[in-house]
N, C-alpha and C. Protein backbone atom coordinates (compact mmCIF):
# COMPACT_ATOMS: atom_id res chain seq x y z
N MET A 1 -1.04 -14.53 -0.96
CA MET A 1 -0.90 -13.82 -2.21
C MET A 1 -1.66 -14.51 -3.35
N ARG A 2 -2.58 -15.36 -3.00
CA ARG A 2 -3.37 -16.07 -4.01
C ARG A 2 -4.66 -15.36 -4.35
N LYS A 3 -4.96 -14.30 -3.66
CA LYS A 3 -6.24 -13.62 -3.85
C LYS A 3 -6.24 -12.78 -5.13
N GLY A 4 -7.42 -12.73 -5.75
CA GLY A 4 -7.59 -11.98 -6.98
C GLY A 4 -8.37 -10.69 -6.74
N PHE A 5 -8.90 -10.16 -7.81
CA PHE A 5 -9.62 -8.88 -7.78
C PHE A 5 -10.75 -8.86 -6.75
N ASP A 6 -11.64 -9.83 -6.83
CA ASP A 6 -12.83 -9.85 -5.97
C ASP A 6 -12.47 -10.05 -4.51
N SER A 7 -11.55 -10.95 -4.21
CA SER A 7 -11.16 -11.21 -2.83
C SER A 7 -10.46 -10.00 -2.22
N LEU A 8 -9.57 -9.36 -2.98
CA LEU A 8 -8.88 -8.18 -2.47
C LEU A 8 -9.85 -7.03 -2.22
N SER A 9 -10.78 -6.81 -3.14
CA SER A 9 -11.75 -5.73 -2.93
C SER A 9 -12.67 -6.07 -1.76
N GLY A 10 -12.93 -7.34 -1.52
CA GLY A 10 -13.70 -7.76 -0.35
C GLY A 10 -12.98 -7.47 0.94
N ILE A 11 -11.67 -7.66 0.97
CA ILE A 11 -10.87 -7.34 2.15
C ILE A 11 -10.91 -5.84 2.42
N VAL A 12 -10.79 -5.05 1.36
CA VAL A 12 -10.84 -3.59 1.51
C VAL A 12 -12.17 -3.17 2.13
N THR A 13 -13.26 -3.77 1.68
CA THR A 13 -14.58 -3.42 2.17
C THR A 13 -14.82 -3.93 3.60
N SER A 14 -14.59 -5.21 3.83
CA SER A 14 -14.97 -5.82 5.10
C SER A 14 -13.98 -5.57 6.23
N GLN A 15 -12.70 -5.69 5.98
CA GLN A 15 -11.71 -5.58 7.05
C GLN A 15 -11.18 -4.17 7.23
N MET A 16 -10.98 -3.46 6.13
CA MET A 16 -10.42 -2.10 6.21
C MET A 16 -11.49 -1.03 6.34
N GLN A 17 -12.73 -1.38 5.98
CA GLN A 17 -13.86 -0.44 6.03
C GLN A 17 -13.67 0.74 5.09
N PHE A 18 -13.10 0.49 3.92
CA PHE A 18 -12.93 1.52 2.90
C PHE A 18 -13.73 1.14 1.65
N ASN A 19 -13.88 2.09 0.75
CA ASN A 19 -14.58 1.86 -0.51
C ASN A 19 -13.55 1.50 -1.58
N PRO A 20 -13.55 0.27 -2.08
CA PRO A 20 -12.56 -0.11 -3.09
C PRO A 20 -12.76 0.60 -4.42
N LEU A 21 -13.92 1.26 -4.63
CA LEU A 21 -14.18 1.97 -5.88
C LEU A 21 -13.68 3.41 -5.85
N SER A 22 -12.98 3.79 -4.79
CA SER A 22 -12.39 5.13 -4.73
C SER A 22 -11.12 5.15 -5.58
N ASN A 23 -10.47 6.27 -5.67
CA ASN A 23 -9.23 6.37 -6.46
C ASN A 23 -8.00 5.97 -5.67
N ASP A 24 -8.19 5.45 -4.45
CA ASP A 24 -7.06 5.05 -3.62
C ASP A 24 -6.42 3.77 -4.15
N ILE A 25 -5.17 3.58 -3.80
CA ILE A 25 -4.45 2.35 -4.13
C ILE A 25 -4.30 1.57 -2.82
N TYR A 26 -4.67 0.32 -2.85
CA TYR A 26 -4.59 -0.53 -1.66
C TYR A 26 -3.43 -1.50 -1.84
N ILE A 27 -2.57 -1.56 -0.83
CA ILE A 27 -1.33 -2.34 -0.91
C ILE A 27 -1.45 -3.54 0.01
N PHE A 28 -1.11 -4.70 -0.49
CA PHE A 28 -1.11 -5.95 0.28
C PHE A 28 0.29 -6.53 0.20
N ILE A 29 0.91 -6.81 1.37
CA ILE A 29 2.26 -7.36 1.45
C ILE A 29 2.19 -8.68 2.19
N ASN A 30 2.90 -9.71 1.70
CA ASN A 30 2.88 -11.00 2.37
C ASN A 30 3.69 -10.98 3.66
N ARG A 31 3.56 -12.03 4.47
CA ARG A 31 4.23 -12.09 5.78
C ARG A 31 5.74 -12.01 5.67
N ARG A 32 6.31 -12.64 4.67
CA ARG A 32 7.77 -12.62 4.51
C ARG A 32 8.27 -11.30 3.91
N ARG A 33 7.34 -10.45 3.48
CA ARG A 33 7.63 -9.14 2.89
C ARG A 33 8.46 -9.25 1.62
N THR A 34 8.21 -10.28 0.84
CA THR A 34 8.91 -10.46 -0.43
C THR A 34 8.01 -10.26 -1.64
N GLN A 35 6.70 -10.15 -1.39
CA GLN A 35 5.73 -9.98 -2.48
C GLN A 35 4.73 -8.91 -2.09
N LEU A 36 4.27 -8.17 -3.09
CA LEU A 36 3.21 -7.21 -2.83
C LEU A 36 2.26 -7.14 -4.00
N LYS A 37 1.02 -6.74 -3.68
CA LYS A 37 -0.01 -6.51 -4.69
C LYS A 37 -0.61 -5.14 -4.44
N LEU A 38 -0.86 -4.43 -5.51
CA LEU A 38 -1.55 -3.14 -5.45
C LEU A 38 -2.89 -3.32 -6.15
N LEU A 39 -3.95 -2.82 -5.53
CA LEU A 39 -5.29 -2.88 -6.10
C LEU A 39 -5.80 -1.47 -6.28
N GLN A 40 -6.28 -1.15 -7.48
CA GLN A 40 -6.84 0.18 -7.75
C GLN A 40 -8.01 0.06 -8.71
N TRP A 41 -9.06 0.82 -8.41
CA TRP A 41 -10.20 0.95 -9.30
C TRP A 41 -9.86 2.01 -10.33
N GLU A 42 -9.98 1.72 -11.61
CA GLU A 42 -9.62 2.66 -12.66
C GLU A 42 -10.82 3.20 -13.42
N GLY A 43 -11.99 3.20 -12.79
CA GLY A 43 -13.17 3.76 -13.41
C GLY A 43 -14.00 2.77 -14.17
N ASP A 44 -13.34 1.85 -14.86
CA ASP A 44 -14.09 0.84 -15.63
C ASP A 44 -13.75 -0.58 -15.19
N GLY A 45 -12.90 -0.70 -14.18
CA GLY A 45 -12.53 -2.02 -13.67
C GLY A 45 -11.35 -1.92 -12.73
N PHE A 46 -11.06 -3.03 -12.05
CA PHE A 46 -9.92 -3.08 -11.14
C PHE A 46 -8.64 -3.39 -11.89
N ALA A 47 -7.55 -2.84 -11.38
CA ALA A 47 -6.22 -3.17 -11.88
C ALA A 47 -5.41 -3.71 -10.70
N VAL A 48 -4.66 -4.77 -10.94
CA VAL A 48 -3.80 -5.35 -9.91
C VAL A 48 -2.37 -5.34 -10.44
N TYR A 49 -1.47 -4.83 -9.61
CA TYR A 49 -0.04 -4.87 -9.92
C TYR A 49 0.57 -5.83 -8.91
N TYR A 50 1.37 -6.78 -9.37
CA TYR A 50 1.94 -7.81 -8.51
C TYR A 50 3.45 -7.84 -8.73
N LYS A 51 4.20 -7.82 -7.62
CA LYS A 51 5.66 -7.86 -7.75
C LYS A 51 6.24 -8.80 -6.69
N ARG A 52 7.17 -9.65 -7.13
CA ARG A 52 7.87 -10.56 -6.24
C ARG A 52 9.36 -10.24 -6.30
N LEU A 53 9.96 -10.04 -5.14
CA LEU A 53 11.39 -9.78 -5.08
C LEU A 53 12.17 -11.08 -5.17
N GLU A 54 13.24 -11.09 -5.91
CA GLU A 54 14.12 -12.25 -5.99
C GLU A 54 15.08 -12.27 -4.80
N GLN A 55 15.35 -11.09 -4.25
CA GLN A 55 16.26 -10.99 -3.12
C GLN A 55 15.85 -9.78 -2.29
N GLY A 56 15.97 -9.87 -0.98
CA GLY A 56 15.64 -8.76 -0.11
C GLY A 56 14.16 -8.77 0.29
N THR A 57 13.77 -7.72 1.02
CA THR A 57 12.40 -7.61 1.51
C THR A 57 11.90 -6.18 1.36
N TYR A 58 10.58 -6.02 1.39
CA TYR A 58 9.96 -4.71 1.42
C TYR A 58 9.88 -4.25 2.87
N GLU A 59 9.99 -2.96 3.09
CA GLU A 59 9.83 -2.42 4.44
C GLU A 59 8.37 -2.05 4.66
N MET A 60 7.85 -2.48 5.78
CA MET A 60 6.47 -2.15 6.13
C MET A 60 6.43 -0.76 6.76
N PRO A 61 5.44 0.05 6.42
CA PRO A 61 5.29 1.34 7.08
C PRO A 61 4.94 1.13 8.55
N ALA A 62 5.41 2.03 9.40
CA ALA A 62 5.13 1.94 10.83
C ALA A 62 3.65 2.18 11.07
N ALA A 63 3.04 1.32 11.88
CA ALA A 63 1.61 1.44 12.19
C ALA A 63 1.37 0.91 13.59
N PRO A 64 0.41 1.48 14.32
CA PRO A 64 0.05 0.92 15.62
C PRO A 64 -0.44 -0.52 15.46
N THR A 65 -0.20 -1.35 16.47
CA THR A 65 -0.53 -2.77 16.37
C THR A 65 -2.03 -3.03 16.30
N ASP A 66 -2.85 -2.10 16.75
CA ASP A 66 -4.30 -2.32 16.73
C ASP A 66 -4.95 -1.93 15.40
N GLN A 67 -4.17 -1.41 14.46
CA GLN A 67 -4.70 -1.01 13.15
C GLN A 67 -4.38 -2.07 12.10
N CYS A 68 -5.35 -2.32 11.21
CA CYS A 68 -5.10 -3.27 10.12
C CYS A 68 -4.67 -2.54 8.85
N SER A 69 -4.69 -1.19 8.88
CA SER A 69 -4.29 -0.43 7.70
C SER A 69 -3.59 0.85 8.12
N VAL A 70 -2.84 1.41 7.19
CA VAL A 70 -2.15 2.67 7.42
C VAL A 70 -2.11 3.43 6.09
N SER A 71 -2.27 4.74 6.14
CA SER A 71 -2.21 5.57 4.93
C SER A 71 -0.78 6.05 4.72
N ILE A 72 -0.33 5.97 3.46
CA ILE A 72 1.00 6.47 3.13
C ILE A 72 0.88 7.35 1.90
N SER A 73 1.90 8.18 1.69
CA SER A 73 1.92 9.07 0.53
C SER A 73 2.48 8.33 -0.68
N SER A 74 2.32 8.94 -1.84
CA SER A 74 2.87 8.34 -3.06
C SER A 74 4.40 8.29 -3.00
N LYS A 75 5.00 9.25 -2.32
CA LYS A 75 6.46 9.26 -2.15
C LYS A 75 6.90 8.08 -1.29
N GLN A 76 6.15 7.79 -0.22
CA GLN A 76 6.49 6.64 0.62
C GLN A 76 6.33 5.33 -0.15
N LEU A 77 5.29 5.24 -0.99
CA LEU A 77 5.10 4.05 -1.82
C LEU A 77 6.28 3.87 -2.77
N LYS A 78 6.72 4.95 -3.37
CA LYS A 78 7.87 4.89 -4.27
C LYS A 78 9.11 4.41 -3.52
N ASN A 79 9.30 4.88 -2.28
CA ASN A 79 10.44 4.44 -1.47
C ASN A 79 10.36 2.95 -1.16
N ILE A 80 9.16 2.45 -0.89
CA ILE A 80 9.00 1.02 -0.64
C ILE A 80 9.44 0.22 -1.87
N PHE A 81 9.00 0.65 -3.05
CA PHE A 81 9.39 -0.03 -4.29
C PHE A 81 10.90 0.00 -4.53
N GLN A 82 11.53 1.11 -4.20
CA GLN A 82 12.96 1.27 -4.46
C GLN A 82 13.84 0.70 -3.36
N GLY A 83 13.22 0.23 -2.26
CA GLY A 83 14.00 -0.36 -1.18
C GLY A 83 14.64 0.66 -0.25
N ILE A 84 14.13 1.87 -0.26
CA ILE A 84 14.67 2.92 0.61
C ILE A 84 14.02 2.78 1.98
N THR A 85 14.82 2.72 3.03
CA THR A 85 14.28 2.58 4.37
C THR A 85 13.63 3.88 4.82
N MET A 86 12.50 3.76 5.47
CA MET A 86 11.77 4.95 5.91
C MET A 86 12.21 5.41 7.29
N ARG A 87 12.99 4.59 7.99
CA ARG A 87 13.45 4.98 9.32
C ARG A 87 14.48 6.10 9.26
N ARG A 88 15.30 6.12 8.25
CA ARG A 88 16.33 7.15 8.14
C ARG A 88 15.93 8.27 7.20
N SER A 89 14.96 8.03 6.37
CA SER A 89 14.50 9.02 5.41
C SER A 89 13.39 9.85 6.03
N TYR A 90 13.49 11.15 5.92
CA TYR A 90 12.45 12.00 6.46
C TYR A 90 12.26 13.22 5.59
N GLN A 91 11.08 13.80 5.68
CA GLN A 91 10.73 14.98 4.91
C GLN A 91 10.96 16.22 5.78
N ARG A 92 11.73 17.14 5.28
CA ARG A 92 11.93 18.40 6.01
C ARG A 92 10.67 19.23 5.96
N LYS A 93 10.47 20.02 6.97
CA LYS A 93 9.27 20.84 7.08
C LYS A 93 9.21 21.84 5.93
N ARG A 94 8.03 21.94 5.32
CA ARG A 94 7.77 22.88 4.24
C ARG A 94 6.44 23.56 4.49
N TYR A 95 6.29 24.74 3.94
CA TYR A 95 5.03 25.47 4.05
C TYR A 95 3.97 24.78 3.22
N GLN A 96 2.77 24.65 3.78
CA GLN A 96 1.63 24.12 3.02
C GLN A 96 0.45 25.02 3.26
N HIS A 97 -0.08 25.57 2.19
CA HIS A 97 -1.24 26.46 2.26
C HIS A 97 -2.49 25.62 2.49
N VAL A 98 -3.26 25.97 3.51
CA VAL A 98 -4.51 25.28 3.80
C VAL A 98 -5.65 26.13 3.30
N ALA A 99 -6.45 25.57 2.40
CA ALA A 99 -7.56 26.33 1.80
C ALA A 99 -8.76 26.39 2.70
């Protein structure tokens, strides 16, 4: 969790194979799952949000072991922040219009 703007954007580029200048938010969680950093390009520069829990842990999204990254929705990110477990929480099926 010592990495700054340049190192985090380098990880996004080299290890994740994504463009850090997109509007996506990249989440980094430490091994103990007590700290996280969010990296986002805001058009004129990077923004980093850093949070350390005093008690408890963050839940990692389920991902295959061969992947170094996983995509989640903004709702799932909000659940991670609030400490809501994703194993018991699920989205009921809804209609979605495909253009």
